[in-house]
C-alpha atoms as a PDB file:
ATOM      1  CA  MET A   1       0.000   0.000   0.000  1.00  0.00           C
ATOM      2  CA  ILE A   2       1.329   3.457  -0.942  1.00  0.00           C
ATOM      3  CA  ARG A   3       0.901   5.865   1.986  1.00  0.00           C
ATOM      4  CA  VAL A   4       0.241   9.463   0.879  1.00  0.00           C
ATOM      5  CA  LEU A   5       0.182  12.899   2.489  1.00  0.00           C
ATOM      6  CA  ILE A   6      -1.791  15.677   0.783  1.00  0.00           C
ATOM      7  CA  ALA A   7      -0.741  19.225   1.682  1.00  0.00           C
ATOM      8  CA  ASP A   8      -2.747  22.144   0.320  1.00  0.00           C
ATOM      9  CA  ASP A   9      -4.147  25.211   2.038  1.00  0.00           C
ATOM     10  CA  GLU A  10      -7.489  24.732   0.290  1.00  0.00           C
ATOM     11  CA  ALA A  11      -9.657  22.098   1.992  1.00  0.00           C
ATOM     12  CA  LEU A  12     -11.694  21.548  -1.171  1.00  0.00           C
ATOM     13  CA  MET A  13      -8.542  20.774  -3.174  1.00  0.00           C
ATOM     14  CA  ARG A  14      -7.381  18.285  -0.526  1.00  0.00           C
ATOM     15  CA  ALA A  15     -10.807  16.618  -0.550  1.00  0.00           C
ATOM     16  CA  GLY A  16     -10.770  16.328  -4.341  1.00  0.00           C
ATOM     17  CA  ILE A  17      -7.291  14.820  -4.423  1.00  0.00           C
ATOM     18  CA  ARG A  18      -8.220  12.422  -1.625  1.00  0.00           C
ATOM     19  CA  LEU A  19     -11.329  11.313  -3.515  1.00  0.00           C
ATOM     20  CA  ILE A  20      -9.278  10.623  -6.643  1.00  0.00           C
ATOM     21  CA  LEU A  21      -6.492   8.750  -4.864  1.00  0.00           C
ATOM     22  CA  GLU A  22      -8.834   6.625  -2.779  1.00  0.00           C
ATOM     23  CA  ASN A  23     -10.150   5.105  -6.019  1.00  0.00           C
ATOM     24  CA  ALA A  24      -6.792   3.399  -6.500  1.00  0.00           C
ATOM     25  CA  GLU A  25      -6.531   0.005  -4.807  1.00  0.00           C
ATOM     26  CA  ASP A  26      -2.871   0.494  -3.863  1.00  0.00           C
ATOM     27  CA  ILE A  27      -3.026   4.057  -2.445  1.00  0.00           C
ATOM     28  CA  GLU A  28      -4.045   5.145   1.045  1.00  0.00           C
ATOM     29  CA  VAL A  29      -4.234   8.805   2.072  1.00  0.00           C
ATOM     30  CA  VAL A  30      -2.899   8.727   5.639  1.00  0.00           C
ATOM     31  CA  ALA A  31      -2.477  12.443   6.347  1.00  0.00           C
ATOM     32  CA  GLU A  32      -3.520  15.900   5.251  1.00  0.00           C
ATOM     33  CA  ALA A  33      -1.974  19.276   5.984  1.00  0.00           C
ATOM     34  CA  GLY A  34      -3.040  22.867   5.421  1.00  0.00           C
ATOM     35  CA  ASP A  35       0.472  24.313   5.312  1.00  0.00           C
ATOM     36  CA  GLY A  36       4.100  23.312   4.959  1.00  0.00           C
ATOM     37  CA  ARG A  37       4.794  23.184   8.677  1.00  0.00           C
ATOM     38  CA  GLU A  38       1.971  20.661   9.215  1.00  0.00           C
ATOM     39  CA  ALA A  39       3.190  18.634   6.218  1.00  0.00           C
ATOM     40  CA  ALA A  40       6.738  18.339   7.570  1.00  0.00           C
ATOM     41  CA  ALA A  41       5.418  17.409  11.020  1.00  0.00           C
ATOM     42  CA  ALA A  42       3.244  14.660   9.509  1.00  0.00           C
ATOM     43  CA  CYS A  43       6.218  13.198   7.643  1.00  0.00           C
ATOM     44  CA  ARG A  44       8.267  13.275  10.832  1.00  0.00           C
ATOM     45  CA  THR A  45       5.666  11.342  12.850  1.00  0.00           C
ATOM     46  CA  GLN A  46       4.175   9.010  10.232  1.00  0.00           C
ATOM     47  CA  ASP A  47       5.447   6.555   7.642  1.00  0.00           C
ATOM     48  CA  ILE A  48       4.642   8.396   4.389  1.00  0.00           C
ATOM     49  CA  ASP A  49       5.759   7.168   0.981  1.00  0.00           C
ATOM     50  CA  VAL A  50       4.649  10.142  -1.141  1.00  0.00           C
ATOM     51  CA  ALA A  51       4.021  13.730  -0.051  1.00  0.00           C
ATOM     52  CA  LEU A  52       1.941  15.781  -2.484  1.00  0.00           C
ATOM     53  CA  LEU A  53       2.704  19.425  -1.669  1.00  0.00           C
ATOM     54  CA  ASP A  54       1.096  22.561  -3.044  1.00  0.00           C
ATOM     55  CA  ILE A  55       3.827  25.116  -3.713  1.00  0.00           C
ATOM     56  CA  HIS A  56       1.858  28.124  -2.469  1.00  0.00           C
ATOM     57  CA  MET A  57       0.733  27.654   1.140  1.00  0.00           C
ATOM     58  CA  PRO A  58       0.690  29.975   4.144  1.00  0.00           C
ATOM     59  CA  THR A  59       3.027  29.743   7.151  1.00  0.00           C
ATOM     60  CA  ARG A  60       5.588  27.603   5.301  1.00  0.00           C
ATOM     61  CA  ASP A  61       5.296  27.054   1.563  1.00  0.00           C
ATOM     62  CA  GLY A  62       5.662  23.752  -0.233  1.00  0.00           C
ATOM     63  CA  ILE A  63       9.250  24.353  -1.288  1.00  0.00           C
ATOM     64  CA  ALA A  64      10.363  24.997   2.298  1.00  0.00           C
ATOM     65  CA  ALA A  65       8.359  21.940   3.377  1.00  0.00           C
ATOM     66  CA  ALA A  66      10.109  19.867   0.687  1.00  0.00           C
ATOM     67  CA  GLU A  67      13.472  20.860   2.181  1.00  0.00           C
ATOM     68  CA  ASP A  68      12.274  19.875   5.663  1.00  0.00           C
ATOM     69  CA  ILE A  69      10.803  16.572   4.507  1.00  0.00           C
ATOM     70  CA  SER A  70      13.916  15.668   2.494  1.00  0.00           C
ATOM     71  CA  ARG A  71      16.006  16.217   5.626  1.00  0.00           C
ATOM     72  CA  LEU A  72      13.638  14.694   8.220  1.00  0.00           C
ATOM     73  CA  SER A  73      12.197  11.826   6.187  1.00  0.00           C
ATOM     74  CA  PRO A  74      14.565  11.080   3.284  1.00  0.00           C
ATOM     75  CA  ARG A  75      12.622   8.009   2.151  1.00  0.00           C
ATOM     76  CA  THR A  76       9.493  10.130   1.513  1.00  0.00           C
ATOM     77  CA  CYS A  77       9.181  11.097  -2.141  1.00  0.00           C
ATOM     78  CA  VAL A  78       8.042  14.704  -2.541  1.00  0.00           C
ATOM     79  CA  VAL A  79       5.882  15.670  -5.516  1.00  0.00           C
ATOM     80  CA  MET A  80       4.966  19.329  -5.953  1.00  0.00           C
ATOM     81  CA  LEU A  81       1.528  20.500  -7.107  1.00  0.00           C
ATOM     82  CA  THR A  82       0.825  23.921  -8.563  1.00  0.00           C
ATOM     83  CA  ALA A  83      -1.608  25.731 -10.796  1.00  0.00           C
ATOM     84  CA  PHE A  84       1.253  27.337 -12.737  1.00  0.00           C
ATOM     85  CA  GLY A  85       4.454  25.709 -13.968  1.00  0.00           C
ATOM     86  CA  GLU A  86       6.772  28.674 -13.420  1.00  0.00           C
ATOM     87  CA  GLU A  87      10.309  27.637 -14.331  1.00  0.00           C
ATOM     88  CA  ALA A  88      11.826  29.332 -11.272  1.00  0.00           C
ATOM     89  CA  SER A  89       9.471  27.446  -8.937  1.00  0.00           C
ATOM     90  CA  VAL A  90      10.209  24.145 -10.640  1.00  0.00           C
ATOM     91  CA  THR A  91      13.946  24.703 -10.276  1.00  0.00           C
ATOM     92  CA  ARG A  92      13.638  25.737  -6.617  1.00  0.00           C
ATOM     93  CA  ALA A  93      11.415  22.730  -5.841  1.00  0.00           C
ATOM     94  CA  LEU A  94      13.818  20.269  -7.446  1.00  0.00           C
ATOM     95  CA  ARG A  95      16.758  21.795  -5.563  1.00  0.00           C
ATOM     96  CA  ALA A  96      14.732  21.491  -2.341  1.00  0.00           C
ATOM     97  CA  GLY A  97      14.429  17.741  -2.822  1.00  0.00           C
ATOM     98  CA  ALA A  98      11.244  17.311  -4.848  1.00  0.00           C
ATOM     99  CA  SER A  99      11.251  14.327  -7.193  1.00  0.00           C
ATOM    100  CA  GLY A 100       8.427  15.514  -9.390  1.00  0.00           C
ATOM    101  CA  PHE A 101       6.230  18.420 -10.343  1.00  0.00           C
ATOM    102  CA  LEU A 102       2.552  18.233 -11.381  1.00  0.00           C
ATOM    103  CA  LEU A 103       0.146  20.872 -12.611  1.00  0.00           C
ATOM    104  CA  GLU A 104      -3.139  20.892 -10.707  1.00  0.00           C
ATOM    105  CA  ASP A 105      -5.127  20.416 -13.927  1.00  0.00           C
ATOM    106  CA  ILE A 106      -3.775  16.871 -14.286  1.00  0.00           C
ATOM    107  CA  GLY A 107      -6.462  14.260 -14.860  1.00  0.00           C
ATOM    108  CA  PRO A 108      -7.419  11.699 -12.200  1.00  0.00           C
ATOM    109  CA  ALA A 109      -5.800   8.700 -13.929  1.00  0.00           C
ATOM    110  CA  LYS A 110      -2.558  10.602 -14.473  1.00  0.00           C
ATOM    111  CA  LEU A 111      -2.494  11.758 -10.830  1.00  0.00           C
ATOM    112  CA  ILE A 112      -2.868   8.168  -9.615  1.00  0.00           C
ATOM    113  CA  HIS A 113      -0.168   7.016 -12.039  1.00  0.00           C
ATOM    114  CA  ALA A 114       2.190   9.817 -10.918  1.00  0.00           C
ATOM    115  CA  VAL A 115       1.796   8.802  -7.257  1.00  0.00           C
ATOM    116  CA  GLN A 116       2.451   5.163  -8.144  1.00  0.00           C
ATOM    117  CA  LEU A 117       5.562   6.100 -10.111  1.00  0.00           C
ATOM    118  CA  ALA A 118       6.833   8.325  -7.313  1.00  0.00           C
ATOM    119  CA  ALA A 119       6.422   5.528  -4.787  1.00  0.00           C
END
């Protein structure tokens, strides 16, 4: 079973991603976070295979959270989510330890496949 964290400051976005991922037989959403600080804390206290992080979140953004997660939980694969694929953000995210980068308009089947590949 692939254990996933969803981190996004929008509850509706988290709920939508959860709904999509829970349709896959091999994926379990085990944690959610509303900001980067909560995401890093969840990865520190739980066994998470894939962390899906929104880049733009309050308190601590997804890129800072990716750095924390890469340091605190190196086996967790970080995949960034964003509405815009700005080149500077992609570069910063990859340098922070992210393994992948997805646009939020990705289809359900491709999201599931991306999580499976990341794991």
